[in-house]
Amino acid sequence: MNPFGTERRVEQTLWDVRDVSRYLRASISWVYKAAERGYLPCICIGGLLRFDARAVRAFAVGPSRSDGKMERRLAKRG
């Protein structure tokens, strides 16, 4: 059995801006702005933004409280 199977590759996949945009159902420009402001964790590789899939999923879920319940986040407009 291959230790570098499909599941392991999926865990280590870096997403580009379009992948993040599709996953979060947000505009591409919002993804760029969120990354620039530090809201979305990203990696800059040769001038290109890449995102760790696990970090994006954690961002989408949002912060959790110590009692195990999710905090409710309200979207800021503007």
PDB file of N, CA and C in Angstrom:
ATOM      1  N   MET A   1       0.838  -1.178   0.000  1.00  0.00           N
ATOM      2  CA  MET A   1       0.000   0.000   0.000  1.00  0.00           C
ATOM      3  C   MET A   1       0.883   1.241   0.000  1.00  0.00           C
ATOM      4  N   ASN A   2       0.496   2.223  -0.776  1.00  0.00           N
ATOM      5  CA  ASN A   2       1.263   3.447  -0.929  1.00  0.00           C
ATOM      6  C   ASN A   2       1.049   4.377   0.270  1.00  0.00           C
ATOM      7  N   PRO A   3       2.135   4.749   0.990  1.00  0.00           N
ATOM      8  CA  PRO A   3       1.969   5.648   2.134  1.00  0.00           C
ATOM      9  C   PRO A   3       1.584   7.065   1.709  1.00  0.00           C
ATOM     10  N   PHE A   4       1.788   7.379   0.442  1.00  0.00           N
ATOM     11  CA  PHE A   4       1.452   8.710  -0.056  1.00  0.00           C
ATOM     12  C   PHE A   4       0.195   8.623  -0.912  1.00  0.00           C
ATOM     13  N   GLY A   5      -0.821   7.993  -0.376  1.00  0.00           N
ATOM     14  CA  GLY A   5      -2.075   7.784  -1.094  1.00  0.00           C
ATOM     15  C   GLY A   5      -2.869   9.058  -1.252  1.00  0.00           C
ATOM     16  N   THR A   6      -4.027   8.915  -1.821  1.00  0.00           N
ATOM     17  CA  THR A   6      -4.890  10.044  -2.129  1.00  0.00           C
ATOM     18  C   THR A   6      -5.234  10.849  -0.886  1.00  0.00           C
ATOM     19  N   GLU A   7      -5.566  10.168   0.193  1.00  0.00           N
ATOM     20  CA  GLU A   7      -5.986  10.885   1.400  1.00  0.00           C
ATOM     21  C   GLU A   7      -4.871  11.770   1.929  1.00  0.00           C
ATOM     22  N   ARG A   8      -3.660  11.281   1.920  1.00  0.00           N
ATOM     23  CA  ARG A   8      -2.539  12.082   2.411  1.00  0.00           C
ATOM     24  C   ARG A   8      -2.305  13.295   1.518  1.00  0.00           C
ATOM     25  N   ARG A   9      -2.424  13.134   0.202  1.00  0.00           N
ATOM     26  CA  ARG A   9      -2.245  14.263  -0.712  1.00  0.00           C
ATOM     27  C   ARG A   9      -3.309  15.320  -0.478  1.00  0.00           C
ATOM     28  N   VAL A  10      -4.535  14.903  -0.213  1.00  0.00           N
ATOM     29  CA  VAL A  10      -5.617  15.847   0.022  1.00  0.00           C
ATOM     30  C   VAL A  10      -5.323  16.688   1.255  1.00  0.00           C
ATOM     31  N   GLU A  11      -4.787  16.067   2.298  1.00  0.00           N
ATOM     32  CA  GLU A  11      -4.464  16.784   3.526  1.00  0.00           C
ATOM     33  C   GLU A  11      -3.405  17.850   3.296  1.00  0.00           C
ATOM     34  N   GLN A  12      -2.494  17.616   2.363  1.00  0.00           N
ATOM     35  CA  GLN A  12      -1.379  18.526   2.157  1.00  0.00           C
ATOM     36  C   GLN A  12      -1.591  19.453   0.962  1.00  0.00           C
ATOM     37  N   THR A  13      -2.786  19.510   0.431  1.00  0.00           N
ATOM     38  CA  THR A  13      -3.056  20.316  -0.739  1.00  0.00           C
ATOM     39  C   THR A  13      -3.091  21.795  -0.398  1.00  0.00           C
ATOM     40  N   LEU A  14      -2.451  22.587  -1.251  1.00  0.00           N
ATOM     41  CA  LEU A  14      -2.555  24.035  -1.145  1.00  0.00           C
ATOM     42  C   LEU A  14      -3.576  24.510  -2.161  1.00  0.00           C
ATOM     43  N   TRP A  15      -4.460  25.382  -1.725  1.00  0.00           N
ATOM     44  CA  TRP A  15      -5.483  25.928  -2.602  1.00  0.00           C
ATOM     45  C   TRP A  15      -5.036  27.278  -3.134  1.00  0.00           C
ATOM     46  N   ASP A  16      -5.513  27.615  -4.329  1.00  0.00           N
ATOM     47  CA  ASP A  16      -5.283  28.958  -4.840  1.00  0.00           C
ATOM     48  C   ASP A  16      -6.500  29.823  -4.510  1.00  0.00           C
ATOM     49  N   VAL A  17      -6.472  31.074  -4.939  1.00  0.00           N
ATOM     50  CA  VAL A  17      -7.536  32.023  -4.607  1.00  0.00           C
ATOM     51  C   VAL A  17      -8.895  31.546  -5.123  1.00  0.00           C
ATOM     52  N   ARG A  18      -8.919  30.976  -6.299  1.00  0.00           N
ATOM     53  CA  ARG A  18     -10.197  30.500  -6.855  1.00  0.00           C
ATOM     54  C   ARG A  18     -10.765  29.341  -6.050  1.00  0.00           C
ATOM     55  N   ASP A  19      -9.912  28.443  -5.607  1.00  0.00           N
ATOM     56  CA  ASP A  19     -10.379  27.318  -4.778  1.00  0.00           C
ATOM     57  C   ASP A  19     -11.012  27.835  -3.489  1.00  0.00           C
ATOM     58  N   VAL A  20     -10.349  28.781  -2.851  1.00  0.00           N
ATOM     59  CA  VAL A  20     -10.857  29.351  -1.598  1.00  0.00           C
ATOM     60  C   VAL A  20     -12.170  30.084  -1.859  1.00  0.00           C
ATOM     61  N   SER A  21     -12.214  30.829  -2.943  1.00  0.00           N
ATOM     62  CA  SER A  21     -13.422  31.563  -3.313  1.00  0.00           C
ATOM     63  C   SER A  21     -14.607  30.623  -3.492  1.00  0.00           C
ATOM     64  N   ARG A  22     -14.390  29.524  -4.181  1.00  0.00           N
ATOM     65  CA  ARG A  22     -15.457  28.537  -4.388  1.00  0.00           C
ATOM     66  C   ARG A  22     -15.886  27.896  -3.071  1.00  0.00           C
ATOM     67  N   TYR A  23     -14.914  27.528  -2.256  1.00  0.00           N
ATOM     68  CA  TYR A  23     -15.228  26.850  -0.996  1.00  0.00           C
ATOM     69  C   TYR A  23     -16.022  27.762  -0.053  1.00  0.00           C
ATOM     70  N   LEU A  24     -15.582  29.020   0.066  1.00  0.00           N
ATOM     71  CA  LEU A  24     -16.233  29.959   0.974  1.00  0.00           C
ATOM     72  C   LEU A  24     -17.439  30.654   0.347  1.00  0.00           C
ATOM     73  N   ARG A  25     -17.623  30.435  -0.953  1.00  0.00           N
ATOM     74  CA  ARG A  25     -18.692  31.117  -1.695  1.00  0.00           C
ATOM     75  C   ARG A  25     -18.575  32.627  -1.545  1.00  0.00           C
ATOM     76  N   ALA A  26     -17.353  33.102  -1.750  1.00  0.00           N
ATOM     77  CA  ALA A  26     -17.039  34.528  -1.654  1.00  0.00           C
ATOM     78  C   ALA A  26     -16.393  34.960  -2.960  1.00  0.00           C
ATOM     79  N   SER A  27     -16.361  36.244  -3.203  1.00  0.00           N
ATOM     80  CA  SER A  27     -15.742  36.735  -4.432  1.00  0.00           C
ATOM     81  C   SER A  27     -14.216  36.595  -4.337  1.00  0.00           C
ATOM     82  N   ILE A  28     -13.603  36.545  -5.469  1.00  0.00           N
ATOM     83  CA  ILE A  28     -12.139  36.448  -5.517  1.00  0.00           C
ATOM     84  C   ILE A  28     -11.513  37.685  -4.886  1.00  0.00           C
ATOM     85  N   SER A  29     -12.102  38.860  -5.150  1.00  0.00           N
ATOM     86  CA  SER A  29     -11.545  40.086  -4.568  1.00  0.00           C
ATOM     87  C   SER A  29     -11.633  40.056  -3.040  1.00  0.00           C
ATOM     88  N   TRP A  30     -12.709  39.471  -2.485  1.00  0.00           N
ATOM     89  CA  TRP A  30     -12.824  39.370  -1.028  1.00  0.00           C
ATOM     90  C   TRP A  30     -11.718  38.481  -0.472  1.00  0.00           C
ATOM     91  N   VAL A  31     -11.419  37.390  -1.160  1.00  0.00           N
ATOM     92  CA  VAL A  31     -10.362  36.478  -0.695  1.00  0.00           C
ATOM     93  C   VAL A  31      -9.025  37.213  -0.661  1.00  0.00           C
ATOM     94  N   TYR A  32      -8.710  37.972  -1.719  1.00  0.00           N
ATOM     95  CA  TYR A  32      -7.470  38.749  -1.734  1.00  0.00           C
ATOM     96  C   TYR A  32      -7.431  39.747  -0.580  1.00  0.00           C
ATOM     97  N   LYS A  33      -8.528  40.467  -0.366  1.00  0.00           N
ATOM     98  CA  LYS A  33      -8.570  41.462   0.713  1.00  0.00           C
ATOM     99  C   LYS A  33      -8.445  40.812   2.082  1.00  0.00           C
ATOM    100  N   ALA A  34      -9.142  39.697   2.285  1.00  0.00           N
ATOM    101  CA  ALA A  34      -9.081  39.008   3.574  1.00  0.00           C
ATOM    102  C   ALA A  34      -7.668  38.493   3.855  1.00  0.00           C
ATOM    103  N   ALA A  35      -7.009  37.996   2.832  1.00  0.00           N
ATOM    104  CA  ALA A  35      -5.625  37.525   2.995  1.00  0.00           C
ATOM    105  C   ALA A  35      -4.690  38.697   3.285  1.00  0.00           C
ATOM    106  N   GLU A  36      -4.888  39.790   2.571  1.00  0.00           N
ATOM    107  CA  GLU A  36      -4.046  40.972   2.758  1.00  0.00           C
ATOM    108  C   GLU A  36      -4.196  41.546   4.163  1.00  0.00           C
ATOM    109  N   ARG A  37      -5.412  41.517   4.698  1.00  0.00           N
ATOM    110  CA  ARG A  37      -5.676  42.059   6.032  1.00  0.00           C
ATOM    111  C   ARG A  37      -5.329  41.082   7.151  1.00  0.00           C
ATOM    112  N   GLY A  38      -4.998  39.847   6.777  1.00  0.00           N
ATOM    113  CA  GLY A  38      -4.608  38.850   7.770  1.00  0.00           C
ATOM    114  C   GLY A  38      -5.763  38.044   8.333  1.00  0.00           C
ATOM    115  N   TYR A  39      -6.964  38.198   7.775  1.00  0.00           N
ATOM    116  CA  TYR A  39      -8.110  37.414   8.239  1.00  0.00           C
ATOM    117  C   TYR A  39      -7.985  35.956   7.818  1.00  0.00           C
ATOM    118  N   LEU A  40      -7.523  35.734   6.598  1.00  0.00           N
ATOM    119  CA  LEU A  40      -7.341  34.382   6.062  1.00  0.00           C
ATOM    120  C   LEU A  40      -5.862  34.046   6.080  1.00  0.00           C
ATOM    121  N   PRO A  41      -5.467  32.967   6.732  1.00  0.00           N
ATOM    122  CA  PRO A  41      -4.052  32.588   6.720  1.00  0.00           C
ATOM    123  C   PRO A  41      -3.636  32.135   5.323  1.00  0.00           C
ATOM    124  N   CYS A  42      -2.518  32.670   4.852  1.00  0.00           N
ATOM    125  CA  CYS A  42      -2.069  32.311   3.504  1.00  0.00           C
ATOM    126  C   CYS A  42      -0.552  32.207   3.462  1.00  0.00           C
ATOM    127  N   ILE A  43      -0.078  31.669   2.368  1.00  0.00           N
ATOM    128  CA  ILE A  43       1.346  31.507   2.109  1.00  0.00           C
ATOM    129  C   ILE A  43       1.616  32.186   0.775  1.00  0.00           C
ATOM    130  N   CYS A  44       2.654  33.001   0.721  1.00  0.00           N
ATOM    131  CA  CYS A  44       3.019  33.648  -0.533  1.00  0.00           C
ATOM    132  C   CYS A  44       4.200  32.876  -1.132  1.00  0.00           C
ATOM    133  N   ILE A  45       3.976  32.325  -2.310  1.00  0.00           N
ATOM    134  CA  ILE A  45       5.014  31.552  -2.995  1.00  0.00           C
ATOM    135  C   ILE A  45       5.294  32.228  -4.327  1.00  0.00           C
ATOM    136  N   GLY A  46       6.441  32.884  -4.418  1.00  0.00           N
ATOM    137  CA  GLY A  46       6.815  33.547  -5.660  1.00  0.00           C
ATOM    138  C   GLY A  46       5.792  34.569  -6.124  1.00  0.00           C
ATOM    139  N   GLY A  47       5.188  35.291  -5.198  1.00  0.00           N
ATOM    140  CA  GLY A  47       4.204  36.300  -5.542  1.00  0.00           C
ATOM    141  C   GLY A  47       2.789  35.767  -5.699  1.00  0.00           C
ATOM    142  N   LEU A  48       2.605  34.464  -5.551  1.00  0.00           N
ATOM    143  CA  LEU A  48       1.275  33.861  -5.665  1.00  0.00           C
ATOM    144  C   LEU A  48       0.773  33.477  -4.280  1.00  0.00           C
ATOM    145  N   LEU A  49      -0.497  33.740  -4.036  1.00  0.00           N
ATOM    146  CA  LEU A  49      -1.083  33.347  -2.753  1.00  0.00           C
ATOM    147  C   LEU A  49      -1.547  31.906  -2.810  1.00  0.00           C
ATOM    148  N   ARG A  50      -1.205  31.169  -1.772  1.00  0.00           N
ATOM    149  CA  ARG A  50      -1.674  29.795  -1.616  1.00  0.00           C
ATOM    150  C   ARG A  50      -2.207  29.646  -0.200  1.00  0.00           C
ATOM    151  N   PHE A  51      -3.172  28.766  -0.062  1.00  0.00           N
ATOM    152  CA  PHE A  51      -3.858  28.599   1.210  1.00  0.00           C
ATOM    153  C   PHE A  51      -3.858  27.125   1.593  1.00  0.00           C
ATOM    154  N   ASP A  52      -3.573  26.858   2.865  1.00  0.00           N
ATOM    155  CA  ASP A  52      -3.659  25.502   3.389  1.00  0.00           C
ATOM    156  C   ASP A  52      -5.137  25.159   3.527  1.00  0.00           C
ATOM    157  N   ALA A  53      -5.560  24.061   2.916  1.00  0.00           N
ATOM    158  CA  ALA A  53      -6.965  23.679   2.906  1.00  0.00           C
ATOM    159  C   ALA A  53      -7.517  23.523   4.323  1.00  0.00           C
ATOM    160  N   ARG A  54      -6.731  22.943   5.217  1.00  0.00           N
ATOM    161  CA  ARG A  54      -7.202  22.765   6.605  1.00  0.00           C
ATOM    162  C   ARG A  54      -7.420  24.100   7.291  1.00  0.00           C
ATOM    163  N   ALA A  55      -6.544  25.068   7.029  1.00  0.00           N
ATOM    164  CA  ALA A  55      -6.681  26.394   7.645  1.00  0.00           C
ATOM    165  C   ALA A  55      -7.923  27.113   7.122  1.00  0.00           C
ATOM    166  N   VAL A  56      -8.212  26.941   5.838  1.00  0.00           N
ATOM    167  CA  VAL A  56      -9.407  27.568   5.259  1.00  0.00           C
ATOM    168  C   VAL A  56     -10.664  26.931   5.853  1.00  0.00           C
ATOM    169  N   ARG A  57     -10.660  25.619   5.992  1.00  0.00           N
ATOM    170  CA  ARG A  57     -11.815  24.946   6.601  1.00  0.00           C
ATOM    171  C   ARG A  57     -12.013  25.407   8.042  1.00  0.00           C
ATOM    172  N   ALA A  58     -10.920  25.559   8.793  1.00  0.00           N
ATOM    173  CA  ALA A  58     -11.013  26.042  10.174  1.00  0.00           C
ATOM    174  C   ALA A  58     -11.543  27.476  10.205  1.00  0.00           C
ATOM    175  N   PHE A  59     -11.121  28.296   9.260  1.00  0.00           N
ATOM    176  CA  PHE A  59     -11.628  29.656   9.170  1.00  0.00           C
ATOM    177  C   PHE A  59     -13.132  29.651   8.909  1.00  0.00           C
ATOM    178  N   ALA A  60     -13.572  28.773   8.024  1.00  0.00           N
ATOM    179  CA  ALA A  60     -14.992  28.699   7.668  1.00  0.00           C
ATOM    180  C   ALA A  60     -15.842  28.277   8.858  1.00  0.00           C
ATOM    181  N   VAL A  61     -15.328  27.383   9.681  1.00  0.00           N
ATOM    182  CA  VAL A  61     -16.059  26.917  10.847  1.00  0.00           C
ATOM    183  C   VAL A  61     -16.103  28.005  11.904  1.00  0.00           C
ATOM    184  N   GLY A  62     -15.034  28.761  12.034  1.00  0.00           N
ATOM    185  CA  GLY A  62     -14.979  29.844  13.004  1.00  0.00           C
ATOM    186  C   GLY A  62     -14.427  29.390  14.329  1.00  0.00           C
ATOM    187  N   PRO A  63     -14.211  30.348  15.208  1.00  0.00           N
ATOM    188  CA  PRO A  63     -13.653  30.013  16.521  1.00  0.00           C
ATOM    189  C   PRO A  63     -14.669  29.274  17.383  1.00  0.00           C
ATOM    190  N   SER A  64     -14.170  28.418  18.245  1.00  0.00           N
ATOM    191  CA  SER A  64     -15.062  27.707  19.163  1.00  0.00           C
ATOM    192  C   SER A  64     -14.778  28.174  20.583  1.00  0.00           C
ATOM    193  N   ARG A  65     -15.774  28.076  21.403  1.00  0.00           N
ATOM    194  CA  ARG A  65     -15.624  28.461  22.800  1.00  0.00           C
ATOM    195  C   ARG A  65     -15.074  27.283  23.587  1.00  0.00           C
ATOM    196  N   SER A  66     -14.634  27.555  24.796  1.00  0.00           N
ATOM    197  CA  SER A  66     -14.032  26.508  25.618  1.00  0.00           C
ATOM    198  C   SER A  66     -15.053  25.445  26.032  1.00  0.00           C
ATOM    199  N   ASP A  67     -16.352  25.777  26.000  1.00  0.00           N
ATOM    200  CA  ASP A  67     -17.357  24.794  26.394  1.00  0.00           C
ATOM    201  C   ASP A  67     -17.779  23.891  25.229  1.00  0.00           C
ATOM    202  N   GLY A  68     -17.117  24.052  24.078  1.00  0.00           N
ATOM    203  CA  GLY A  68     -17.398  23.184  22.936  1.00  0.00           C
ATOM    204  C   GLY A  68     -18.461  23.706  21.995  1.00  0.00           C
ATOM    205  N   LYS A  69     -19.122  24.807  22.367  1.00  0.00           N
ATOM    206  CA  LYS A  69     -20.134  25.383  21.494  1.00  0.00           C
ATOM    207  C   LYS A  69     -19.475  26.400  20.563  1.00  0.00           C
ATOM    208  N   MET A  70     -20.053  26.564  19.403  1.00  0.00           N
ATOM    209  CA  MET A  70     -19.505  27.495  18.426  1.00  0.00           C
ATOM    210  C   MET A  70     -19.916  28.922  18.762  1.00  0.00           C
ATOM    211  N   GLU A  71     -19.003  29.868  18.531  1.00  0.00           N
ATOM    212  CA  GLU A  71     -19.342  31.277  18.674  1.00  0.00           C
ATOM    213  C   GLU A  71     -20.053  31.740  17.409  1.00  0.00           C
ATOM    214  N   ARG A  72     -20.947  32.637  17.566  1.00  0.00           N
ATOM    215  CA  ARG A  72     -21.651  33.172  16.402  1.00  0.00           C
ATOM    216  C   ARG A  72     -20.918  34.414  15.931  1.00  0.00           C
ATOM    217  N   ARG A  73     -20.547  34.428  14.656  1.00  0.00           N
ATOM    218  CA  ARG A  73     -19.860  35.589  14.090  1.00  0.00           C
ATOM    219  C   ARG A  73     -20.818  36.305  13.155  1.00  0.00           C
ATOM    220  N   LEU A  74     -20.864  37.597  13.279  1.00  0.00           N
ATOM    221  CA  LEU A  74     -21.670  38.391  12.369  1.00  0.00           C
ATOM    222  C   LEU A  74     -20.744  38.974  11.310  1.00  0.00           C
ATOM    223  N   ALA A  75     -21.181  38.901  10.082  1.00  0.00           N
ATOM    224  CA  ALA A  75     -20.381  39.429   8.976  1.00  0.00           C
ATOM    225  C   ALA A  75     -20.397  40.944   9.025  1.00  0.00           C
ATOM    226  N   LYS A  76     -19.245  41.554   8.828  1.00  0.00           N
ATOM    227  CA  LYS A  76     -19.155  43.009   8.762  1.00  0.00           C
ATOM    228  C   LYS A  76     -19.324  43.430   7.311  1.00  0.00           C
ATOM    229  N   ARG A  77     -20.129  44.400   7.107  1.00  0.00           N
ATOM    230  CA  ARG A  77     -20.347  44.929   5.760  1.00  0.00           C
ATOM    231  C   ARG A  77     -19.530  46.191   5.590  1.00  0.00           C
ATOM    232  N   GLY A  78     -19.014  46.339   4.367  1.00  0.00           N
ATOM    233  CA  GLY A  78     -18.359  47.601   4.083  1.00  0.00           C
ATOM    234  C   GLY A  78     -16.988  47.511   3.679  1.00  0.00           C
TER     235      GLY A  78
END
